[in-house]
C-alpha atoms as a PDB file:
ATOM      1  CA  MET A   1      25.711 -52.883  64.418  1.00  0.00           C
ATOM      2  CA  SER A   2      29.071 -52.081  62.475  1.00  0.00           C
ATOM      3  CA  LEU A   3      27.528 -52.615  58.914  1.00  0.00           C
ATOM      4  CA  LEU A   4      24.887 -49.929  59.702  1.00  0.00           C
ATOM      5  CA  VAL A   5      27.773 -47.751  60.986  1.00  0.00           C
ATOM      6  CA  MET A   6      29.447 -48.495  57.827  1.00  0.00           C
ATOM      7  CA  LYS A   7      26.644 -47.663  55.624  1.00  0.00           C
ATOM      8  CA  SER A   8      25.801 -44.383  57.586  1.00  0.00           C
ATOM      9  CA  SER A   9      29.594 -43.256  57.029  1.00  0.00           C
ATOM     10  CA  LEU A  10      29.659 -43.872  53.328  1.00  0.00           C
ATOM     11  CA  SER A  11      26.261 -42.132  52.650  1.00  0.00           C
ATOM     12  CA  LEU A  12      27.453 -38.940  54.923  1.00  0.00           C
ATOM     13  CA  LEU A  13      30.851 -39.059  52.645  1.00  0.00           C
ATOM     14  CA  CYS A  14      28.588 -39.062  49.414  1.00  0.00           C
ATOM     15  CA  LEU A  15      26.597 -36.153  50.858  1.00  0.00           C
ATOM     16  CA  VAL A  16      29.722 -34.229  51.508  1.00  0.00           C
ATOM     17  CA  LEU A  17      31.485 -34.892  48.263  1.00  0.00           C
ATOM     18  CA  VAL A  18      28.200 -33.833  46.345  1.00  0.00           C
ATOM     19  CA  SER A  19      27.628 -30.936  48.547  1.00  0.00           C
ATOM     20  CA  SER A  20      31.668 -29.698  47.823  1.00  0.00           C
ATOM     21  CA  ALA A  21      31.209 -30.114  44.051  1.00  0.00           C
ATOM     22  CA  PHE A  22      28.268 -27.928  43.935  1.00  0.00           C
ATOM     23  CA  ALA A  23      30.092 -25.411  46.163  1.00  0.00           C
ATOM     24  CA  THR A  24      33.241 -25.336  44.113  1.00  0.00           C
ATOM     25  CA  SER A  25      31.610 -25.229  40.538  1.00  0.00           C
ATOM     26  CA  GLU A  26      29.435 -22.754  38.926  1.00  0.00           C
ATOM     27  CA  ILE A  27      25.943 -23.847  37.431  1.00  0.00           C
ATOM     28  CA  ALA A  28      25.766 -22.219  33.807  1.00  0.00           C
ATOM     29  CA  LEU A  29      21.797 -21.276  33.045  1.00  0.00           C
ATOM     30  CA  PRO A  30      20.814 -21.024  29.697  1.00  0.00           C
ATOM     31  CA  THR A  31      20.855 -17.763  28.044  1.00  0.00           C
ATOM     32  CA  PRO A  32      17.668 -16.747  26.663  1.00  0.00           C
ATOM     33  CA  VAL A  33      17.544 -15.847  22.804  1.00  0.00           C
ATOM     34  CA  PRO A  34      16.559 -12.273  22.389  1.00  0.00           C
ATOM     35  CA  ALA A  35      13.305 -11.576  20.607  1.00  0.00           C
ATOM     36  CA  SER A  36      13.817  -9.604  17.333  1.00  0.00           C
ATOM     37  CA  ASP A  37      12.837  -5.999  17.252  1.00  0.00           C
ATOM     38  CA  ASP A  38      10.013  -6.595  14.728  1.00  0.00           C
ATOM     39  CA  ALA A  39       8.433  -9.288  16.735  1.00  0.00           C
ATOM     40  CA  LEU A  40       8.284  -7.095  20.101  1.00  0.00           C
ATOM     41  CA  LEU A  41       6.931  -3.924  18.441  1.00  0.00           C
ATOM     42  CA  ALA A  42       4.386  -5.911  16.728  1.00  0.00           C
ATOM     43  CA  ALA A  43       3.224  -7.539  20.384  1.00  0.00           C
ATOM     44  CA  ILE A  44       3.708  -4.004  22.037  1.00  0.00           C
ATOM     45  CA  ALA A  45       1.437  -2.401  19.248  1.00  0.00           C
ATOM     46  CA  GLU A  46      -1.378  -5.110  19.294  1.00  0.00           C
ATOM     47  CA  VAL A  47      -1.449  -4.998  23.352  1.00  0.00           C
ATOM     48  CA  GLU A  48      -0.939  -0.970  23.425  1.00  0.00           C
ATOM     49  CA  THR A  49      -3.680   0.324  20.995  1.00  0.00           C
ATOM     50  CA  SER A  50      -4.536  -2.729  18.325  1.00  0.00           C
ATOM     51  CA  ASN A  51      -2.516  -1.327  16.130  1.00  0.00           C
ATOM     52  CA  ASN A  52      -4.147   2.155  15.916  1.00  0.00           C
ATOM     53  CA  PRO A  53      -2.188   5.013  14.997  1.00  0.00           C
ATOM     54  CA  SER A  54      -4.460   7.331  15.622  1.00  0.00           C
ATOM     55  CA  LEU A  55      -5.131   6.802  19.340  1.00  0.00           C
ATOM     56  CA  ILE A  56      -3.656   9.506  22.151  1.00  0.00           C
ATOM     57  CA  GLY A  57      -2.868   8.166  26.024  1.00  0.00           C
ATOM     58  CA  SER A  58      -3.845   9.923  28.992  1.00  0.00           C
ATOM     59  CA  HIS A  59      -0.054  11.464  29.249  1.00  0.00           C
ATOM     60  CA  GLY A  60       0.136  12.004  25.995  1.00  0.00           C
ATOM     61  CA  GLU A  61       1.609   9.079  24.224  1.00  0.00           C
ATOM     62  CA  ARG A  62       1.094   8.757  20.498  1.00  0.00           C
ATOM     63  CA  THR A  63       1.194   6.332  17.614  1.00  0.00           C
ATOM     64  CA  HIS A  64       0.237   2.879  17.343  1.00  0.00           C
ATOM     65  CA  LEU A  65       3.122   2.375  20.086  1.00  0.00           C
ATOM     66  CA  GLN A  66       1.949   4.739  22.345  1.00  0.00           C
ATOM     67  CA  ILE A  67       5.569   6.417  22.813  1.00  0.00           C
ATOM     68  CA  ALA A  68       5.380   9.136  25.193  1.00  0.00           C
ATOM     69  CA  PRO A  69       6.654  12.731  24.478  1.00  0.00           C
ATOM     70  CA  SER A  70       9.758  12.718  26.746  1.00  0.00           C
ATOM     71  CA  THR A  71      10.738   9.466  24.935  1.00  0.00           C
ATOM     72  CA  TRP A  72      10.331  11.132  21.601  1.00  0.00           C
ATOM     73  CA  VAL A  73      12.079  14.239  22.047  1.00  0.00           C
ATOM     74  CA  ARG A  74      15.013  12.021  22.995  1.00  0.00           C
ATOM     75  CA  PHE A  75      15.557  10.490  19.614  1.00  0.00           C
ATOM     76  CA  SER A  76      13.859  12.539  17.161  1.00  0.00           C
ATOM     77  CA  GLN A  77      13.921  16.194  15.987  1.00  0.00           C
ATOM     78  CA  LEU A  78      10.402  15.965  14.466  1.00  0.00           C
ATOM     79  CA  PRO A  79       7.677  17.482  17.214  1.00  0.00           C
ATOM     80  CA  HIS A  80       5.928  14.889  18.863  1.00  0.00           C
ATOM     81  CA  SER A  81       2.204  15.750  17.549  1.00  0.00           C
ATOM     82  CA  ALA A  82       3.558  14.830  13.981  1.00  0.00           C
ATOM     83  CA  ALA A  83       4.496  11.496  15.254  1.00  0.00           C
ATOM     84  CA  ALA A  84       1.498   9.480  13.610  1.00  0.00           C
ATOM     85  CA  ALA A  85       1.787  11.283  10.331  1.00  0.00           C
ATOM     86  CA  HIS A  86       5.600   9.803   9.836  1.00  0.00           C
ATOM     87  CA  PRO A  87       5.618   6.287  10.304  1.00  0.00           C
ATOM     88  CA  GLU A  88       9.299   5.475   9.313  1.00  0.00           C
ATOM     89  CA  GLU A  89      10.280   7.970  11.986  1.00  0.00           C
ATOM     90  CA  THR A  90       8.002   6.613  14.374  1.00  0.00           C
ATOM     91  CA  ASP A  91       9.879   3.165  13.411  1.00  0.00           C
ATOM     92  CA  ARG A  92      13.105   4.621  13.944  1.00  0.00           C
ATOM     93  CA  VAL A  93      12.768   6.074  17.166  1.00  0.00           C
ATOM     94  CA  ALA A  94      10.848   2.996  18.504  1.00  0.00           C
ATOM     95  CA  ARG A  95      13.829   0.690  17.622  1.00  0.00           C
ATOM     96  CA  ALA A  96      16.457   3.124  19.303  1.00  0.00           C
ATOM     97  CA  TYR A  97      14.314   2.924  22.340  1.00  0.00           C
ATOM     98  CA  LEU A  98      14.393  -0.714  22.305  1.00  0.00           C
ATOM     99  CA  ALA A  99      17.908  -0.477  22.035  1.00  0.00           C
ATOM    100  CA  SER A 100      18.481   1.849  24.956  1.00  0.00           C
ATOM    101  CA  ILE A 101      15.955  -0.543  27.072  1.00  0.00           C
ATOM    102  CA  ARG A 102      18.220  -3.470  26.352  1.00  0.00           C
ATOM    103  CA  SER A 103      21.474  -1.593  27.446  1.00  0.00           C
ATOM    104  CA  ARG A 104      19.587  -0.634  30.528  1.00  0.00           C
ATOM    105  CA  LEU A 105      18.297  -4.056  31.289  1.00  0.00           C
ATOM    106  CA  LYS A 106      21.828  -5.629  30.675  1.00  0.00           C
ATOM    107  CA  SER A 107      23.416  -2.639  32.903  1.00  0.00           C
ATOM    108  CA  ARG A 108      20.938  -4.006  35.853  1.00  0.00           C
ATOM    109  CA  GLY A 109      21.715  -7.721  35.331  1.00  0.00           C
ATOM    110  CA  LEU A 110      18.329  -8.427  33.867  1.00  0.00           C
ATOM    111  CA  PRO A 111      17.449 -10.481  31.089  1.00  0.00           C
ATOM    112  CA  GLU A 112      16.292  -9.351  27.502  1.00  0.00           C
ATOM    113  CA  THR A 113      13.348 -11.130  27.566  1.00  0.00           C
ATOM    114  CA  PRO A 114       9.984  -9.760  26.228  1.00  0.00           C
ATOM    115  CA  PHE A 115       8.589  -9.724  29.736  1.00  0.00           C
ATOM    116  CA  PHE A 116      11.323  -7.289  30.917  1.00  0.00           C
ATOM    117  CA  ILE A 117      11.522  -5.183  27.936  1.00  0.00           C
ATOM    118  CA  ALA A 118       7.817  -5.022  27.667  1.00  0.00           C
ATOM    119  CA  ALA A 119       7.679  -4.135  31.657  1.00  0.00           C
ATOM    120  CA  ALA A 120      10.359  -1.498  30.684  1.00  0.00           C
ATOM    121  CA  TRP A 121       8.624   0.024  27.810  1.00  0.00           C
ATOM    122  CA  ASN A 122       5.574   0.420  30.176  1.00  0.00           C
ATOM    123  CA  VAL A 123       6.803   1.808  33.093  1.00  0.00           C
ATOM    124  CA  GLY A 124      10.277   2.546  32.129  1.00  0.00           C
ATOM    125  CA  PRO A 125      13.606   0.369  32.722  1.00  0.00           C
ATOM    126  CA  GLY A 126      14.171   1.995  36.225  1.00  0.00           C
ATOM    127  CA  TRP A 127      11.526   0.557  38.101  1.00  0.00           C
ATOM    128  CA  LYS A 128      11.710  -0.883  41.269  1.00  0.00           C
ATOM    129  CA  VAL A 129       8.663  -2.982  41.892  1.00  0.00           C
ATOM    130  CA  LEU A 130       6.435  -3.961  38.737  1.00  0.00           C
ATOM    131  CA  PRO A 131       2.683  -2.718  39.303  1.00  0.00           C
ATOM    132  CA  SER A 132       0.270  -5.898  39.055  1.00  0.00           C
ATOM    133  CA  GLY A 133      -1.098  -4.153  35.560  1.00  0.00           C
ATOM    134  CA  THR A 134       2.555  -3.888  34.457  1.00  0.00           C
ATOM    135  CA  ALA A 135       3.439  -7.390  34.905  1.00  0.00           C
ATOM    136  CA  ALA A 136      -0.046  -8.294  33.339  1.00  0.00           C
ATOM    137  CA  TYR A 137       0.766  -6.226  30.389  1.00  0.00           C
ATOM    138  CA  ALA A 138       4.198  -7.869  29.852  1.00  0.00           C
ATOM    139  CA  GLU A 139       2.865 -11.199  30.310  1.00  0.00           C
ATOM    140  CA  ARG A 140       0.521 -10.208  27.077  1.00  0.00           C
ATOM    141  CA  VAL A 141       3.364  -9.178  25.097  1.00  0.00           C
ATOM    142  CA  ALA A 142       5.682 -12.105  26.139  1.00  0.00           C
ATOM    143  CA  ASN A 143       2.845 -14.287  24.959  1.00  0.00           C
ATOM    144  CA  LEU A 144       2.148 -12.576  21.838  1.00  0.00           C
ATOM    145  CA  VAL A 145       6.144 -12.403  21.007  1.00  0.00           C
ATOM    146  CA  LYS A 146       6.261 -16.297  21.850  1.00  0.00           C
ATOM    147  CA  ALA A 147       3.287 -17.160  19.194  1.00  0.00           C
ATOM    148  CA  ALA A 148       4.974 -15.008  16.505  1.00  0.00           C
ATOM    149  CA  THR A 149       8.298 -16.616  17.023  1.00  0.00           C
ATOM    150  CA  ALA A 150       6.830 -20.239  16.884  1.00  0.00           C
ATOM    151  CA  THR A 151       4.700 -19.233  13.792  1.00  0.00           C
ATOM    152  CA  ALA A 152       7.765 -18.241  11.716  1.00  0.00           C
ATOM    153  CA  ALA A 153       9.711 -21.223  13.225  1.00  0.00           C
ATOM    154  CA  ALA A 154       7.306 -23.798  12.139  1.00  0.00           C
ATOM    155  CA  PRO A 155       8.477 -25.836   8.961  1.00  0.00           C
ATOM    156  CA  LYS A 156       6.258 -24.675   5.955  1.00  0.00           C
ATOM    157  CA  PRO A 157       4.114 -27.380   4.601  1.00  0.00           C
ATOM    158  CA  ALA A 158       5.719 -28.847   0.971  1.00  0.00           C
ATOM    159  CA  VAL A 159       4.044 -27.463  -2.421  1.00  0.00           C
ATOM    160  CA  PRO A 160       2.609 -30.404  -3.881  1.00  0.00           C
ATOM    161  CA  THR A 161       4.328 -30.693  -7.562  1.00  0.00           C
ATOM    162  CA  ILE A 162       1.917 -31.513 -10.386  1.00  0.00           C
ATOM    163  CA  VAL A 163       3.171 -33.656 -13.406  1.00  0.00           C
ATOM    164  CA  VAL A 164       0.926 -33.190 -16.628  1.00  0.00           C
ATOM    165  CA  GLU A 165       2.138 -35.796 -19.061  1.00  0.00           C
ATOM    166  CA  TRP A 166       1.059 -35.225 -22.693  1.00  0.00           C
ATOM    167  CA  ASP A 167       1.568 -36.219 -25.957  1.00  0.00           C
ATOM    168  CA  ALA A 168       3.090 -33.554 -28.488  1.00  0.00           C
ATOM    169  CA  PRO A 169       0.991 -33.404 -31.654  1.00  0.00           C
ATOM    170  CA  PRO A 170       3.185 -34.687 -35.037  1.00  0.00           C
ATOM    171  CA  ALA A 171       5.214 -31.960 -36.203  1.00  0.00           C
ATOM    172  CA  THR A 172       4.175 -30.631 -39.788  1.00  0.00           C
ATOM    173  CA  PRO A 173       6.684 -32.134 -42.181  1.00  0.00           C
ATOM    174  CA  THR A 174       9.259 -29.468 -43.197  1.00  0.00           C
ATOM    175  CA  ASP A 175       9.000 -29.878 -47.252  1.00  0.00           C
ATOM    176  CA  THR A 176       5.296 -29.214 -46.871  1.00  0.00           C
ATOM    177  CA  MET A 177       3.415 -25.664 -46.846  1.00  0.00           C
ATOM    178  CA  VAL A 178      -0.133 -25.098 -45.840  1.00  0.00           C
ATOM    179  CA  VAL A 179      -2.126 -22.066 -46.550  1.00  0.00           C
ATOM    180  CA  THR A 180      -4.966 -21.170 -44.952  1.00  0.00           C
ATOM    181  CA  LEU A 181      -8.135 -18.635 -44.530  1.00  0.00           C
ATOM    182  CA  SER A 182      -9.299 -17.352 -41.449  1.00  0.00           C
ATOM    183  CA  THR A 183     -11.898 -20.358 -41.513  1.00  0.00           C
ATOM    184  CA  THR A 184      -8.584 -22.365 -40.737  1.00  0.00           C
ATOM    185  CA  ARG A 185      -9.665 -24.664 -43.621  1.00  0.00           C
ATOM    186  CA  PRO A 186      -6.595 -25.797 -45.839  1.00  0.00           C
ATOM    187  CA  LEU A 187      -6.874 -24.176 -49.274  1.00  0.00           C
ATOM    188  CA  PHE A 188      -4.143 -26.366 -50.792  1.00  0.00           C
ATOM    189  CA  HIS A 189      -0.811 -28.189 -49.830  1.00  0.00           C
ATOM    190  CA  LEU A 190       2.339 -27.295 -51.754  1.00  0.00           C
ATOM    191  CA  THR A 191       4.646 -30.018 -51.887  1.00  0.00           C
ATOM    192  CA  LEU A 192       8.509 -28.172 -51.761  1.00  0.00           C
ATOM    193  CA  ALA A 193      10.089 -31.211 -53.196  1.00  0.00           C
ATOM    194  CA  ASN A 194       7.504 -30.861 -56.377  1.00  0.00           C
ATOM    195  CA  GLU A 195       8.637 -27.361 -56.630  1.00  0.00           C
ATOM    196  CA  LEU A 196      12.332 -27.854 -56.537  1.00  0.00           C
ATOM    197  CA  ALA A 197      11.834 -30.604 -59.138  1.00  0.00           C
ATOM    198  CA  GLY A 198      10.087 -27.900 -61.353  1.00  0.00           C
ATOM    199  CA  ARG A 199       6.942 -29.932 -61.621  1.00  0.00           C
ATOM    200  CA  SER A 200       3.690 -27.625 -60.899  1.00  0.00           C
ATOM    201  CA  PRO A 201       1.371 -28.603 -58.387  1.00  0.00           C
ATOM    202  CA  ARG A 202      -1.147 -31.543 -58.601  1.00  0.00           C
ATOM    203  CA  LYS A 203      -4.094 -30.460 -60.887  1.00  0.00           C
ATOM    204  CA  ASP A 204      -6.424 -31.852 -58.338  1.00  0.00           C
ATOM    205  CA  SER A 205      -5.510 -29.676 -55.673  1.00  0.00           C
ATOM    206  CA  PRO A 206      -8.330 -27.225 -54.608  1.00  0.00           C
ATOM    207  CA  ALA A 207      -8.380 -23.870 -56.463  1.00  0.00           C
ATOM    208  CA  PHE A 208      -8.985 -20.458 -54.753  1.00  0.00           C
END
C-alpha cells in the first residue's frame, strides 16, 4: 500500500513540475517565411482573371490583378481607366498595395502568409470575419504560391557533359607551299628548302 502511495506522489510531483515549466516558459512558434511579391502577384492574377488584363470587375476593378478604383487612386496619378494600358504602373501600384497589406496585417498581429495577404487583397485588410468565398479564394492563391515556391526551390537537373575525342589531322610542313585551284586539286608543291638553296623546282612537277 505504501509503495502505491509513493508512486502516486511521484507522478503528481512530475505533473506539477511539467505544468510549472510550461507556465513559466515561452514556447517559440516558427515564423512563416514571407512569400515574394512576384509569386503573390502571379498567383493573384491567375485566380482573379487567368492573367487577362482586359477584364473589368463588377465593382470597376481593372487589370489582370483586378485593382479597385479606390486602391488605384491611393497609389497612382494616372486615371484608373488607363490602368490596363500601363502595365509598369500597374505593377508599381500592386507592389505598393502589397506593402500596405503586409503592414496592416502586422499591426493586427496576423502573419504575412499568402492566405492572409490574398484574403486582404480580396476584401481589404480590415475584415472582421472572412466570407467563405474569400477563404476559398485565399486558399487557391496560397496553393499556387506554394507550388511556385516549391518549383523554384527544386534542384535543377545537371546538364550532361559530352566529351568528343578526335585525332587532329597532321599539320602541313612549314617548309611546303600548296597552290590549288577551285577544284582543290594540288597543282604543284614548291619546297621552300629548294628555293632557299637556289635550286629550281623539280622538272617532274605538274605544270599549269
